Each structure stands twice: as C-alpha cells, then as structure tokens.
Amino acid sequence: MGGKNWGLLATGLLLLLAVYWDGLSNLIVRWDRQEEYSHGYMIPILTLYFIWQKKNQIIQSEFKPSWVGFFMVIPALVLFLMGEVSALFILIHYSFIAVLLGMALSIMGWPAVKPVIVPLLLLVFAIPIPYFLEASLSANLQLLSSKLGVAFIRWCSIPVFLEGNVIDLGSYKLQVVEACSGLRYLFPLMSLGFICAYLFDAPFWKRAVLFISTIPITLVMNSFRIGATGVLVNSWGIESADGFLHDFEGWIIFMACMVLLFIEMMLLTKIATDKSRPLAEVFGLVAEAELGEGKQEQRAISKPFVAIVILVLLVGIVVNSVDTREEVIPERKTFPEFPDNFAGWQGDQTSMTSNVIQTLGLSDYILSNYTKPDTMPVNFYVAYYESQRKGVSPHSPRVCIPGGGWQISDISRVDVNHSPVNRIVIKKGESVQLVYYWFQQRGRIFANEYLMKWYLFKDAVLMGRTDGALVRITTAVSPMEKIADADRRLAEFYQQVSPVLPEYIPN
C-alpha cells in the first residue's frame, strides 16, 4: 500500500473511533466496574495479536476490494443510530464490530479477510450484555446453582433445606447472592473457550464441543463452590463463607475450570485422527512457516472504503446534530403536586438523597407509601425523565432489586386493566414482596424493554421527544395471605392511579 492508502486508512479508523467514542468509553466503564467483564481489556489486544499472526497470509492474498463491505456498513450504521438515540449501548458495540468488518472487506475483500474473521468475532466477547438481561440471567443461574449446591451438601450427608436462594443449614443460613451466580466465571471462561477453540487445530465439531462445554463446566463448578462453602460453614462456622477464604475459593474454582477445559482438549485429541499428533501442534502452539516474500503490489485506493469513510462522517454529523438539538419538553404537573388521597388510599411521600437523584439522572420523581384500612400498604414509585439520552434513562427494577439484598423468585408478564406490566415476586429471608412495573412513555405503556427502546428511537426522530417514565408499585405479602391477594391489591391500586398518571407523564 502506498502512502496515500495508509493515510486514508488511518483517517478512516480515527474517524470511526471519534464517532463511536461515547459507546466505546461505556465499554471501559463496564470492564472497570464489573468483575465478570474485567477480561474485556485483554480481548482487543488478543484480537490484534491473532491478526498479526496471520500477516503473511494477508499480505500474500489477492486483494479484491468489495462493495459487499459498504452494503454491510449501511445497516450497521442504522443500528448505531438506534443505539445512540435509544441509549442501548449493545447496539452501538455490535455496530462497531460490523463496521470494522465492512471496512476490512472494502479494502481487502474476502480472500484476505477470511484468515482473520474469527479474531474479529472474538471482539464480541468484550461486549457486556444489557443490565436487565444480565439481572435476569443472574437470577436464573442463582436458583440453579443453589439447587445443585444443595444436592452436593446432601450428598455429603449434611441435612439442609433450600428456600429460594437461601441455604438453611440449621445453625447457619447462607444466601446465594448475585455475585455467586457464576457470571464471573461464565463470561471469562466462554471467552477463553472461544480462544481455545480457535487455536485448537481439530475438526469443527470438536471446536464446537469445546466452546459449548464452557457453560456446563461453569455451572457445575460454581455449584460445587456453593456446596463446598456450605460444607465448610457446617464444619468450621460462618467465617468460612466470608473474607479472604471466600475470595480465594472463587479464584481456585476459576483455575479449576481452566484446567478442566485444557483436559477436555487433551481428551478430544485422542479421538479419531489426532492420536498421533503432538499436543503442541494440535493446540495451535507451533508457529506457521514463514511464507515467501512474493511480489509486492502497489494497490490502488479502495473506492468502497472511501465510500464507507464518507458515510461514517455523515452519520457522525447526524448524531452530533441529534445530540445537540433541542428536544420538545411537554408541559406537565410535577410530582410534589400528586394527590396524597384518592379512592381511600392515603399517601405519605418520602424523598431520596441528592446523591441517588444525581446518579439516576432524574428530572422528577415520586416515592410514596399509600395505606388503606384493613390492607397492606403499597409503595408507589415513578422516575420521570424529560430527556432520555445515553446513560440517562430508567433503570429496570430487575437490576436494582438484587442490589438491595432481595432475590427474584418469579418473573412474568401479565395484563392489568388491558395494559402489559412486569410482575416480579421477590424474597429476602422470610419476607416476600410483589412488584409490578412498566414503562409509560409518550402515551404508550410497555412491559418489554426492547420495544420501549424502539419507540424511544422512533419518537426521537419523528416527534423530537424522548421523555418518559418508569412506574413501579410494590406491596408486601403478609404471612396471613396468598400471593393472589397481593395481586388483587396491586391491580386495584393500578386501576385507581392509572387515570391520574397522564397529567404527570404526558401523552
């Protein structure tokens, strides 16, 4: 490539980084704050290393710049725009990888891109999943790990009782919290499994088995850790479940997962044609022979790549104009004016600290306990945002509930008064609560977070509005009643409060 080509390539990549910078910086924040994604720092480095390993094949491949790359970039940039406007970072992250792949195809074509397609796909494992999906996955893994952990404790002839995520050993009770769900093992181990499958010089089915096996390995080993903790607590006291020993156990279990993965690779080499090959060769540890220098060609500037650079620039201008334009802020009543008394319900508003309000980025809110004679109270919470930009939008209760020590025991979606709401049963010790929540935005009610994001994008473009709110109603389930009684209470409260809400959450 000549100097002009290198200059154009550098300009295109720098422009891409500038346009995607907000989304990429969010990646770093998640890597830094969440242990399950801390391996993300290594993924781009490994990708670059694996691409460098294939440099000889790339150099000697026949470059055939392809317009397929340009047409691949178009939907990727649409995805990017949706992510920018709807504050859904995962769309931005996947869009970035797709644009990188499109750029590579536009410069080199498929013959030169083919050797590095897997290293590029490795970048997917650096992308965190959305918070609400992570919370749901964590809750399900907690329940499953708890059941398997209790099975191990019983196998050790120790009497134990499981209620939700609480392991009752009689003298001690262990709560399988969110951090013990196994996600801290699952995401790093899946990344490692993908890398091992890539390096594993074996038929595709063996690579697929190796990668897929990271899921059951994580689940079984995390359950073993929970069970072993229960055995230690039963023998040595509650101190065995806290502090250094607890963290050390976690480190040991992850190392054991890695060892199991490598043992599996060794066993797979004994099957069929790999028996006589050295392990170093099968594991992809033998360096490829250097290719001949071949004939160096002066390659012309790629027209598809130039078109992509122009397209990225235009999208960057559009995003900047969207971010800086003034939004339509509808008139509304403020929540301090919300009635404290309606249909027999008497409210008592409370306030949150300024730090919490600043963290949530709220424009307005109400947090009130409503009481009625001869029934349990209902907690009423609305978080209103006059503008939802990246990072400033309602947080799903699925994310916040585990942070308060509550465990989600059941999640479903129901219709209340012909409107969809999310229904969650949560437990903490002996306490049980029922939660209904939904997103009420610009005259629509959503239970589905993704559908809400789609209409947020649509209304931002067509109406210039991104205002909206999260509405949550919660009630405790007394020991003297059933969950169905709490359902009727929340449904009654919903019917009374829903006609009043549009004055505070504009249609």
Protein backbone atom coordinates (compact mmCIF):
# COMPACT_ATOMS: atom_id res chain seq x y z
CA MET A 1 0.00 0.00 0.00
CA GLY A 2 1.24 3.45 -0.84
CA GLY A 3 1.45 6.45 1.45
CA LYS A 4 -1.93 7.78 0.33
CA ASN A 5 -3.59 4.47 1.13
CA TRP A 6 -2.05 4.32 4.60
CA GLY A 7 -3.12 7.90 5.22
CA LEU A 8 -6.69 7.16 4.13
CA LEU A 9 -6.79 4.02 6.29
CA ALA A 10 -5.54 5.93 9.35
CA THR A 11 -8.05 8.74 8.72
CA GLY A 12 -10.93 6.27 8.39
CA LEU A 13 -10.05 4.43 11.61
CA LEU A 14 -9.58 7.65 13.59
CA LEU A 15 -12.90 8.95 12.28
CA LEU A 16 -14.59 5.67 13.27
CA LEU A 17 -13.15 5.91 16.80
CA ALA A 18 -14.29 9.52 17.12
CA VAL A 19 -17.87 8.75 16.01
CA TYR A 20 -18.14 5.71 18.28
CA TRP A 21 -16.22 7.19 21.22
CA ASP A 22 -19.14 7.53 23.64
CA GLY A 23 -20.15 3.93 23.11
CA LEU A 24 -16.58 2.63 23.40
CA SER A 25 -15.99 4.60 26.60
CA ASN A 26 -19.05 2.86 28.07
CA LEU A 27 -17.27 -0.46 27.42
CA ILE A 28 -14.33 0.66 29.55
CA VAL A 29 -16.66 1.73 32.35
CA ARG A 30 -18.33 -1.71 32.40
CA TRP A 31 -14.95 -3.50 32.26
CA ASP A 32 -13.75 -1.44 35.21
CA ARG A 33 -16.86 -1.74 37.41
CA GLN A 34 -17.92 -5.35 36.84
CA GLU A 35 -15.60 -8.27 37.55
CA GLU A 36 -17.41 -10.52 35.08
CA TYR A 37 -16.25 -8.24 32.25
CA SER A 38 -12.78 -7.35 33.51
CA HIS A 39 -11.31 -9.71 30.91
CA GLY A 40 -12.55 -7.25 28.28
CA TYR A 41 -9.30 -5.28 28.47
CA MET A 42 -7.43 -8.28 27.04
CA ILE A 43 -9.79 -9.08 24.16
CA PRO A 44 -8.75 -6.24 21.76
CA ILE A 45 -5.08 -7.00 22.46
CA LEU A 46 -5.54 -10.69 21.70
CA THR A 47 -7.51 -9.84 18.55
CA LEU A 48 -4.65 -7.67 17.29
CA TYR A 49 -2.14 -10.41 18.15
CA PHE A 50 -4.07 -13.10 16.28
CA ILE A 51 -4.42 -10.79 13.26
CA TRP A 52 -0.67 -10.11 13.38
CA GLN A 53 -0.07 -13.89 13.38
CA LYS A 54 -1.87 -14.07 10.04
CA LYS A 55 0.02 -11.14 8.47
CA ASN A 56 1.86 -13.31 5.95
CA GLN A 57 -1.38 -14.82 4.66
CA ILE A 58 -2.96 -11.38 4.45
CA ILE A 59 -0.01 -9.83 2.62
CA GLN A 60 0.13 -12.58 0.02
CA SER A 61 -3.63 -12.79 -0.51
CA GLU A 62 -5.12 -11.31 -3.62
CA PHE A 63 -6.78 -8.04 -2.63
CA LYS A 64 -10.25 -7.68 -4.15
CA PRO A 65 -11.93 -4.62 -2.58
CA SER A 66 -15.59 -5.47 -2.24
CA TRP A 67 -18.71 -3.33 -2.27
CA VAL A 68 -20.23 -6.02 -0.02
CA GLY A 69 -18.38 -4.28 2.83
CA PHE A 70 -20.08 -0.97 2.00
CA PHE A 71 -23.55 -2.53 1.95
CA MET A 72 -22.75 -4.31 5.23
CA VAL A 73 -21.88 -0.98 6.85
CA ILE A 74 -25.22 0.66 5.96
CA PRO A 75 -27.41 -1.47 8.33
CA ALA A 76 -24.61 -1.38 10.91
CA LEU A 77 -24.72 2.42 10.97
CA VAL A 78 -28.54 2.34 11.20
CA LEU A 79 -28.06 0.10 14.25
CA PHE A 80 -25.58 2.63 15.60
CA LEU A 81 -28.09 5.47 15.21
CA MET A 82 -30.74 3.43 17.01
CA GLY A 83 -28.33 2.73 19.86
CA GLU A 84 -27.34 6.38 20.14
CA VAL A 85 -30.89 7.69 20.27
CA SER A 86 -32.37 4.87 22.37
CA ALA A 87 -29.48 4.70 24.89
CA LEU A 88 -28.96 0.99 24.15
CA PHE A 89 -25.19 0.62 24.14
CA ILE A 90 -25.12 -3.00 23.00
CA LEU A 91 -26.40 -1.87 19.58
CA ILE A 92 -23.51 0.61 19.34
CA HIS A 93 -20.96 -2.03 20.30
CA TYR A 94 -22.16 -4.65 17.79
CA SER A 95 -22.42 -1.95 15.15
CA PHE A 96 -18.76 -1.04 15.71
CA ILE A 97 -17.63 -4.62 15.07
CA ALA A 98 -19.79 -4.84 11.93
CA VAL A 99 -18.34 -1.59 10.56
CA LEU A 100 -14.80 -2.83 11.22
CA LEU A 101 -15.57 -6.00 9.28
CA GLY A 102 -17.18 -3.98 6.47
CA MET A 103 -14.11 -1.74 6.26
CA ALA A 104 -11.83 -4.77 6.05
CA LEU A 105 -13.90 -6.24 3.21
CA SER A 106 -13.96 -2.93 1.38
CA ILE A 107 -10.15 -2.72 1.48
CA MET A 108 -9.06 -6.35 1.03
CA GLY A 109 -12.04 -8.46 0.01
CA TRP A 110 -12.98 -11.89 1.33
CA PRO A 111 -9.77 -13.84 0.42
CA ALA A 112 -7.65 -11.60 2.68
CA VAL A 113 -10.30 -11.16 5.40
CA LYS A 114 -11.09 -14.87 5.74
CA PRO A 115 -7.95 -15.72 7.82
CA VAL A 116 -8.84 -13.06 10.44
CA ILE A 117 -12.64 -13.39 10.60
CA VAL A 118 -12.51 -15.42 13.83
CA PRO A 119 -10.17 -12.98 15.65
CA LEU A 120 -12.56 -10.18 14.68
CA LEU A 121 -15.50 -12.15 16.07
CA LEU A 122 -13.57 -12.56 19.32
CA LEU A 123 -14.37 -8.88 19.98
CA VAL A 124 -17.98 -9.93 20.65
CA PHE A 125 -16.85 -11.40 23.98
CA ALA A 126 -15.71 -7.98 25.15
CA ILE A 127 -19.27 -6.62 24.89
CA PRO A 128 -21.35 -6.66 28.10
CA ILE A 129 -24.98 -7.64 27.84
CA PRO A 130 -27.65 -5.08 28.90
CA TYR A 131 -28.16 -4.71 32.65
CA PHE A 132 -31.73 -6.02 32.66
CA LEU A 133 -30.76 -9.17 30.71
CA GLU A 134 -27.79 -9.67 33.00
CA ALA A 135 -30.03 -9.39 36.06
CA SER A 136 -32.49 -11.95 34.65
CA LEU A 137 -29.70 -14.37 33.70
CA SER A 138 -28.05 -13.93 37.09
CA ALA A 139 -31.31 -14.68 38.92
CA ASN A 140 -31.87 -17.91 36.96
CA LEU A 141 -28.27 -19.04 37.47
CA GLN A 142 -28.53 -18.31 41.20
CA LEU A 143 -31.55 -20.58 41.53
CA LEU A 144 -30.00 -23.40 39.51
CA SER A 145 -26.60 -23.15 41.26
CA SER A 146 -28.34 -23.14 44.64
CA LYS A 147 -30.22 -26.37 43.82
CA LEU A 148 -27.09 -28.15 42.59
CA GLY A 149 -25.06 -26.84 45.55
CA VAL A 150 -27.65 -28.18 47.99
CA ALA A 151 -27.57 -31.55 46.19
CA PHE A 152 -23.81 -31.69 46.84
CA ILE A 153 -24.30 -30.79 50.53
CA ARG A 154 -26.88 -33.56 50.91
CA TRP A 155 -24.51 -35.98 49.15
CA CYS A 156 -22.08 -35.20 52.00
CA SER A 157 -24.79 -36.42 54.43
CA ILE A 158 -25.48 -32.95 55.83
CA PRO A 159 -29.15 -32.08 56.42
CA VAL A 160 -30.04 -28.89 54.56
CA PHE A 161 -33.14 -27.00 53.42
CA LEU A 162 -33.35 -24.72 50.39
CA GLU A 163 -35.82 -21.84 50.14
CA GLY A 164 -35.27 -19.77 47.02
CA ASN A 165 -31.61 -18.77 47.20
CA VAL A 166 -31.29 -19.29 50.96
CA ILE A 167 -29.47 -22.45 52.08
CA ASP A 168 -30.62 -23.33 55.61
CA LEU A 169 -28.10 -25.49 57.48
CA GLY A 170 -29.97 -25.23 60.76
CA SER A 171 -27.46 -23.23 62.79
CA TYR A 172 -26.45 -21.12 59.77
CA LYS A 173 -28.23 -19.66 56.77
CA LEU A 174 -26.32 -18.96 53.57
CA GLN A 175 -27.73 -16.61 50.96
CA VAL A 176 -26.58 -17.28 47.40
CA VAL A 177 -26.24 -13.66 46.36
CA GLU A 178 -25.90 -12.20 42.85
CA ALA A 179 -22.09 -12.38 42.99
CA CYS A 180 -22.35 -16.18 43.39
CA SER A 181 -24.49 -16.69 40.28
CA GLY A 182 -21.49 -17.83 38.26
CA LEU A 183 -21.43 -14.95 35.75
CA ARG A 184 -17.95 -14.00 36.99
CA TYR A 185 -16.81 -17.39 35.71
CA LEU A 186 -19.13 -17.78 32.74
CA PHE A 187 -18.18 -14.76 30.62
CA PRO A 188 -14.38 -15.05 31.06
CA LEU A 189 -14.49 -18.83 30.57
CA MET A 190 -16.61 -18.54 27.42
CA SER A 191 -14.04 -16.08 26.07
CA LEU A 192 -11.23 -18.48 26.94
CA GLY A 193 -13.18 -21.37 25.40
CA PHE A 194 -13.61 -19.41 22.16
CA ILE A 195 -9.87 -18.67 22.05
CA CYS A 196 -9.02 -22.32 22.74
CA ALA A 197 -11.43 -23.45 20.02
CA TYR A 198 -9.77 -21.02 17.61
CA LEU A 199 -6.27 -22.31 18.43
CA PHE A 200 -7.42 -25.95 18.51
CA ASP A 201 -6.29 -27.48 15.21
CA ALA A 202 -9.12 -30.02 15.02
CA PRO A 203 -12.39 -30.66 13.15
CA PHE A 204 -15.17 -28.11 13.63
CA TRP A 205 -17.32 -30.40 15.79
CA LYS A 206 -14.53 -30.74 18.34
CA ARG A 207 -14.09 -26.97 18.48
CA ALA A 208 -17.84 -26.51 18.91
CA VAL A 209 -17.95 -29.08 21.74
CA LEU A 210 -15.02 -27.37 23.45
CA PHE A 211 -16.68 -23.94 23.33
CA ILE A 212 -20.19 -25.06 24.31
CA SER A 213 -18.82 -27.09 27.23
CA THR A 214 -17.74 -23.87 28.99
CA ILE A 215 -21.39 -23.37 30.04
CA PRO A 216 -21.92 -26.68 31.92
CA ILE A 217 -18.37 -26.52 33.31
CA THR A 218 -19.09 -23.11 34.80
CA LEU A 219 -22.45 -24.18 36.18
CA VAL A 220 -21.17 -27.40 37.77
CA MET A 221 -18.03 -25.83 39.25
CA ASN A 222 -19.90 -22.82 40.61
CA SER A 223 -22.47 -25.16 42.19
CA PHE A 224 -19.60 -27.21 43.65
CA ARG A 225 -18.19 -24.00 45.14
CA ILE A 226 -21.55 -23.18 46.76
CA GLY A 227 -21.86 -26.73 48.08
CA ALA A 228 -18.27 -26.76 49.38
CA THR A 229 -18.90 -23.45 51.13
CA GLY A 230 -21.94 -24.98 52.83
CA VAL A 231 -19.89 -27.98 53.98
CA LEU A 232 -17.15 -25.69 55.35
CA VAL A 233 -19.67 -23.49 57.14
CA ASN A 234 -21.31 -26.55 58.69
CA SER A 235 -17.91 -27.76 59.94
CA TRP A 236 -15.99 -24.56 60.72
CA GLY A 237 -18.55 -21.78 61.11
CA ILE A 238 -19.84 -18.83 59.14
CA GLU A 239 -16.34 -17.33 58.83
CA SER A 240 -15.68 -19.86 56.06
CA ALA A 241 -18.14 -18.00 53.81
CA ASP A 242 -16.62 -14.55 54.21
CA GLY A 243 -13.47 -12.58 53.53
CA PHE A 244 -10.26 -13.90 52.05
CA LEU A 245 -11.21 -17.56 52.17
CA HIS A 246 -14.38 -16.90 50.15
CA ASP A 247 -12.47 -14.90 47.51
CA PHE A 248 -9.68 -17.48 47.44
CA GLU A 249 -12.21 -20.24 46.82
CA GLY A 250 -13.52 -18.25 43.85
CA TRP A 251 -10.03 -17.94 42.37
CA ILE A 252 -9.36 -21.66 42.86
CA ILE A 253 -12.64 -22.62 41.19
CA PHE A 254 -11.92 -20.48 38.13
CA MET A 255 -8.45 -22.03 37.80
CA ALA A 256 -10.08 -25.46 38.10
CA CYS A 257 -12.46 -24.52 35.27
CA MET A 258 -9.46 -23.64 33.09
CA VAL A 259 -7.76 -26.94 33.92
CA LEU A 260 -10.92 -28.86 33.01
CA LEU A 261 -11.05 -27.03 29.69
CA PHE A 262 -7.47 -28.00 28.84
CA ILE A 263 -8.07 -31.61 29.94
CA GLU A 264 -11.06 -31.69 27.62
CA MET A 265 -8.84 -30.52 24.75
CA MET A 266 -6.38 -33.32 25.51
CA LEU A 267 -9.16 -35.91 25.56
CA LEU A 268 -10.57 -34.66 22.28
CA THR A 269 -7.14 -35.12 20.66
CA LYS A 270 -7.35 -38.84 21.48
CA ILE A 271 -10.42 -39.21 19.32
CA ALA A 272 -10.04 -40.19 15.64
CA THR A 273 -7.23 -38.62 13.61
CA ASP A 274 -5.47 -36.58 16.29
CA LYS A 275 -3.99 -39.53 18.19
CA SER A 276 -0.54 -39.44 16.63
CA ARG A 277 -0.09 -35.66 16.50
CA PRO A 278 1.99 -33.77 19.09
CA LEU A 279 -0.13 -31.85 21.59
CA ALA A 280 1.70 -28.60 20.84
CA GLU A 281 0.72 -28.90 17.19
CA VAL A 282 -2.89 -29.77 17.96
CA PHE A 283 -3.17 -26.87 20.41
CA GLY A 284 -2.02 -24.44 17.76
CA LEU A 285 1.25 -23.68 19.55
CA VAL A 286 3.51 -24.49 16.60
CA ALA A 287 4.33 -21.37 14.60
CA GLU A 288 3.40 -21.38 10.94
CA ALA A 289 6.23 -21.43 8.48
CA GLU A 290 7.14 -18.05 7.01
CA LEU A 291 5.71 -17.55 3.56
CA GLY A 292 7.88 -16.37 0.74
CA GLU A 293 8.08 -12.65 0.17
CA GLY A 294 6.26 -12.91 -3.12
CA LYS A 295 5.58 -9.98 -5.32
CA GLN A 296 4.70 -6.71 -3.60
CA GLU A 297 1.98 -4.86 -5.45
CA GLN A 298 1.10 -1.18 -5.36
CA ARG A 299 -2.58 -1.31 -4.58
CA ALA A 300 -4.96 1.43 -5.67
CA ILE A 301 -7.16 3.37 -3.26
CA SER A 302 -10.28 1.34 -2.48
CA LYS A 303 -13.41 3.13 -3.68
CA PRO A 304 -15.71 1.11 -1.36
CA PHE A 305 -13.56 2.14 1.60
CA VAL A 306 -13.69 5.82 0.57
CA ALA A 307 -17.48 5.50 0.37
CA ILE A 308 -17.58 3.99 3.88
CA VAL A 309 -15.44 6.81 5.30
CA ILE A 310 -17.80 9.39 3.78
CA LEU A 311 -20.82 7.50 5.13
CA VAL A 312 -19.34 7.31 8.65
CA LEU A 313 -18.60 11.04 8.51
CA LEU A 314 -22.19 11.82 7.51
CA VAL A 315 -23.58 9.62 10.30
CA GLY A 316 -21.26 11.33 12.78
CA ILE A 317 -22.64 14.71 11.71
CA VAL A 318 -26.21 13.41 12.07
CA VAL A 319 -25.54 12.02 15.55
CA ASN A 320 -23.92 15.28 16.64
CA SER A 321 -26.93 17.26 15.40
CA VAL A 322 -29.31 14.89 17.22
CA ASP A 323 -27.30 15.19 20.43
CA THR A 324 -27.19 18.99 20.30
CA ARG A 325 -30.70 19.76 19.04
CA GLU A 326 -33.32 20.96 21.48
CA GLU A 327 -35.96 18.42 22.36
CA VAL A 328 -39.67 19.04 22.80
CA ILE A 329 -40.32 19.13 26.55
CA PRO A 330 -44.08 18.79 27.11
CA GLU A 331 -45.93 20.65 29.83
CA ARG A 332 -46.89 18.57 32.85
CA LYS A 333 -47.70 18.69 36.54
CA THR A 334 -44.82 17.95 38.91
CA PHE A 335 -44.95 15.04 41.33
CA PRO A 336 -44.95 17.14 44.53
CA GLU A 337 -48.50 18.02 43.41
CA PHE A 338 -49.51 14.35 43.14
CA PRO A 339 -52.61 13.66 45.28
CA ASP A 340 -51.98 12.11 48.69
CA ASN A 341 -55.53 10.87 48.91
CA PHE A 342 -57.61 9.08 46.28
CA ALA A 343 -60.16 6.27 46.35
CA GLY A 344 -59.50 5.63 50.04
CA TRP A 345 -55.70 5.40 49.67
CA GLN A 346 -53.71 7.79 51.89
CA GLY A 347 -50.19 8.62 50.69
CA ASP A 348 -47.07 9.66 52.59
CA GLN A 349 -44.35 10.96 50.27
CA THR A 350 -40.69 10.41 51.13
CA SER A 351 -37.56 11.72 49.44
CA MET A 352 -34.31 10.26 48.14
CA THR A 353 -30.85 11.66 48.83
CA SER A 354 -29.33 14.09 46.36
CA ASN A 355 -26.59 11.56 45.52
CA VAL A 356 -29.17 8.96 44.47
CA ILE A 357 -31.10 11.50 42.41
CA GLN A 358 -27.90 12.61 40.69
CA THR A 359 -26.86 9.01 39.99
CA LEU A 360 -30.24 8.16 38.47
CA GLY A 361 -30.32 11.39 36.44
CA LEU A 362 -33.96 12.01 37.31
CA SER A 363 -35.93 15.05 36.17
CA ASP A 364 -38.75 14.41 38.66
CA TYR A 365 -39.96 11.55 40.83
CA ILE A 366 -42.40 10.40 43.47
CA LEU A 367 -41.72 7.86 46.21
CA SER A 368 -44.75 7.40 48.42
CA ASN A 369 -46.29 4.80 50.70
CA TYR A 370 -50.05 4.51 50.29
CA THR A 371 -52.12 2.93 53.03
CA LYS A 372 -55.72 1.82 53.28
CA PRO A 373 -57.62 0.37 56.22
CA ASP A 374 -57.50 -3.42 56.56
CA THR A 375 -54.92 -3.95 53.81
CA MET A 376 -51.15 -3.96 53.39
CA PRO A 377 -49.50 -0.71 52.19
CA VAL A 378 -48.49 -0.11 48.58
CA ASN A 379 -45.22 1.62 47.74
CA PHE A 380 -45.59 3.86 44.68
CA TYR A 381 -42.51 4.99 42.73
CA VAL A 382 -42.24 6.90 39.46
CA ALA A 383 -38.96 8.02 37.91
CA TYR A 384 -39.60 10.65 35.22
CA TYR A 385 -37.07 11.77 32.60
CA GLU A 386 -37.82 14.76 30.44
CA SER A 387 -34.97 13.68 28.15
CA GLN A 388 -33.51 10.20 27.80
CA ARG A 389 -30.01 10.34 26.42
CA LYS A 390 -27.18 7.80 26.56
CA GLY A 391 -26.74 6.64 30.13
CA VAL A 392 -29.72 8.71 31.35
CA SER A 393 -32.81 6.52 31.21
CA PRO A 394 -34.98 4.47 33.58
CA HIS A 395 -33.22 1.58 35.29
CA SER A 396 -35.10 -1.69 35.21
CA PRO A 397 -36.04 -2.96 38.70
CA ARG A 398 -34.50 -6.27 37.66
CA VAL A 399 -31.14 -4.53 38.03
CA CYS A 400 -31.86 -2.71 41.29
CA ILE A 401 -33.69 -5.43 43.22
CA PRO A 402 -30.70 -7.78 43.75
CA GLY A 403 -28.58 -4.83 44.94
CA GLY A 404 -30.94 -4.38 47.90
CA GLY A 405 -30.45 -7.95 49.06
CA TRP A 406 -33.74 -9.14 47.58
CA GLN A 407 -33.79 -12.22 45.40
CA ILE A 408 -36.10 -12.62 42.39
CA SER A 409 -38.03 -15.87 42.74
CA ASP A 410 -40.51 -15.41 39.88
CA ILE A 411 -40.76 -13.17 36.82
CA SER A 412 -43.72 -13.00 34.46
CA ARG A 413 -45.67 -10.59 32.30
CA VAL A 414 -49.38 -10.00 32.95
CA ASP A 415 -52.17 -7.75 31.71
CA VAL A 416 -53.70 -5.39 34.24
CA ASN A 417 -56.67 -3.33 33.09
CA HIS A 418 -55.75 -4.22 29.47
CA SER A 419 -52.18 -2.94 29.88
CA PRO A 420 -48.98 -5.05 30.00
CA VAL A 421 -46.94 -4.97 33.20
CA ASN A 422 -43.98 -6.94 34.52
CA ARG A 423 -44.77 -9.00 37.63
CA ILE A 424 -41.94 -9.98 39.98
CA VAL A 425 -42.05 -11.93 43.25
CA ILE A 426 -39.03 -11.12 45.43
CA LYS A 427 -37.82 -12.63 48.70
CA LYS A 428 -35.36 -11.71 51.43
CA GLY A 429 -35.27 -14.18 54.28
CA GLU A 430 -38.86 -14.70 55.40
CA SER A 431 -40.09 -11.52 53.72
CA VAL A 432 -41.98 -11.69 50.41
CA GLN A 433 -42.99 -8.78 48.20
CA LEU A 434 -44.86 -8.46 44.92
CA VAL A 435 -43.71 -5.88 42.37
CA TYR A 436 -45.46 -4.55 39.26
CA TYR A 437 -43.55 -2.26 36.95
CA TRP A 438 -43.92 -0.82 33.47
CA PHE A 439 -42.57 1.93 31.24
CA GLN A 440 -45.02 4.74 30.46
CA GLN A 441 -43.77 6.95 27.68
CA ARG A 442 -45.43 9.43 25.34
CA GLY A 443 -48.89 7.87 25.57
CA ARG A 444 -47.77 4.23 25.49
CA ILE A 445 -47.33 1.59 28.16
CA PHE A 446 -44.58 -1.02 27.73
CA ALA A 447 -43.52 -4.07 29.68
CA ASN A 448 -40.85 -5.03 27.13
CA GLU A 449 -37.64 -3.00 27.50
CA TYR A 450 -36.56 -3.56 23.89
CA LEU A 451 -39.92 -2.47 22.50
CA MET A 452 -39.71 0.63 24.68
CA LYS A 453 -36.27 1.40 23.22
CA TRP A 454 -37.59 1.04 19.66
CA TYR A 455 -40.36 3.58 20.22
CA LEU A 456 -37.90 5.85 22.01
CA PHE A 457 -35.80 5.87 18.83
CA LYS A 458 -38.87 6.37 16.60
CA ASP A 459 -40.33 9.22 18.68
CA ALA A 460 -36.96 10.94 18.98
CA VAL A 461 -36.68 11.05 15.19
CA LEU A 462 -40.31 11.84 14.31
CA MET A 463 -41.50 13.84 17.32
CA GLY A 464 -38.30 15.24 18.82
CA ARG A 465 -39.31 13.76 22.19
CA THR A 466 -37.55 11.28 24.46
CA ASP A 467 -39.45 11.94 27.70
CA GLY A 468 -40.88 9.05 29.68
CA ALA A 469 -41.01 7.28 32.99
CA LEU A 470 -40.63 4.04 34.88
CA VAL A 471 -43.60 3.26 37.13
CA ARG A 472 -43.31 0.71 39.94
CA ILE A 473 -45.82 -0.39 42.58
CA THR A 474 -44.82 -2.77 45.38
CA THR A 475 -46.60 -4.44 48.25
CA ALA A 476 -45.53 -6.83 50.97
CA VAL A 477 -47.18 -10.24 51.16
CA SER A 478 -48.18 -10.86 54.77
CA PRO A 479 -47.81 -14.34 56.29
CA MET A 480 -51.59 -14.49 56.58
CA GLU A 481 -52.33 -14.05 52.87
CA LYS A 482 -51.54 -15.58 49.50
CA ILE A 483 -49.73 -14.06 46.51
CA ALA A 484 -53.11 -13.83 44.77
CA ASP A 485 -54.29 -11.43 47.48
CA ALA A 486 -51.31 -9.16 46.79
CA ASP A 487 -52.08 -9.37 43.06
CA ARG A 488 -55.61 -8.14 43.65
CA ARG A 489 -54.31 -5.29 45.83
CA LEU A 490 -51.85 -4.06 43.20
CA ALA A 491 -54.41 -4.43 40.43
CA GLU A 492 -56.88 -2.31 42.43
CA PHE A 493 -54.23 0.34 43.08
CA TYR A 494 -53.25 0.33 39.40
CA GLN A 495 -56.83 0.95 38.31
CA GLN A 496 -57.09 3.92 40.67
CA VAL A 497 -53.73 5.54 39.87
CA SER A 498 -53.52 4.98 36.09
CA PRO A 499 -56.12 7.66 35.13
CA VAL A 500 -54.16 10.25 37.13
CA LEU A 501 -50.70 9.49 35.70
CA PRO A 502 -51.04 11.20 32.24
CA GLU A 503 -51.15 14.57 33.97
CA TYR A 504 -47.63 13.88 35.28
CA ILE A 505 -46.35 11.64 32.45
CA PRO A 506 -47.55 13.42 29.28
CA ASN A 507 -49.08 11.50 26.37
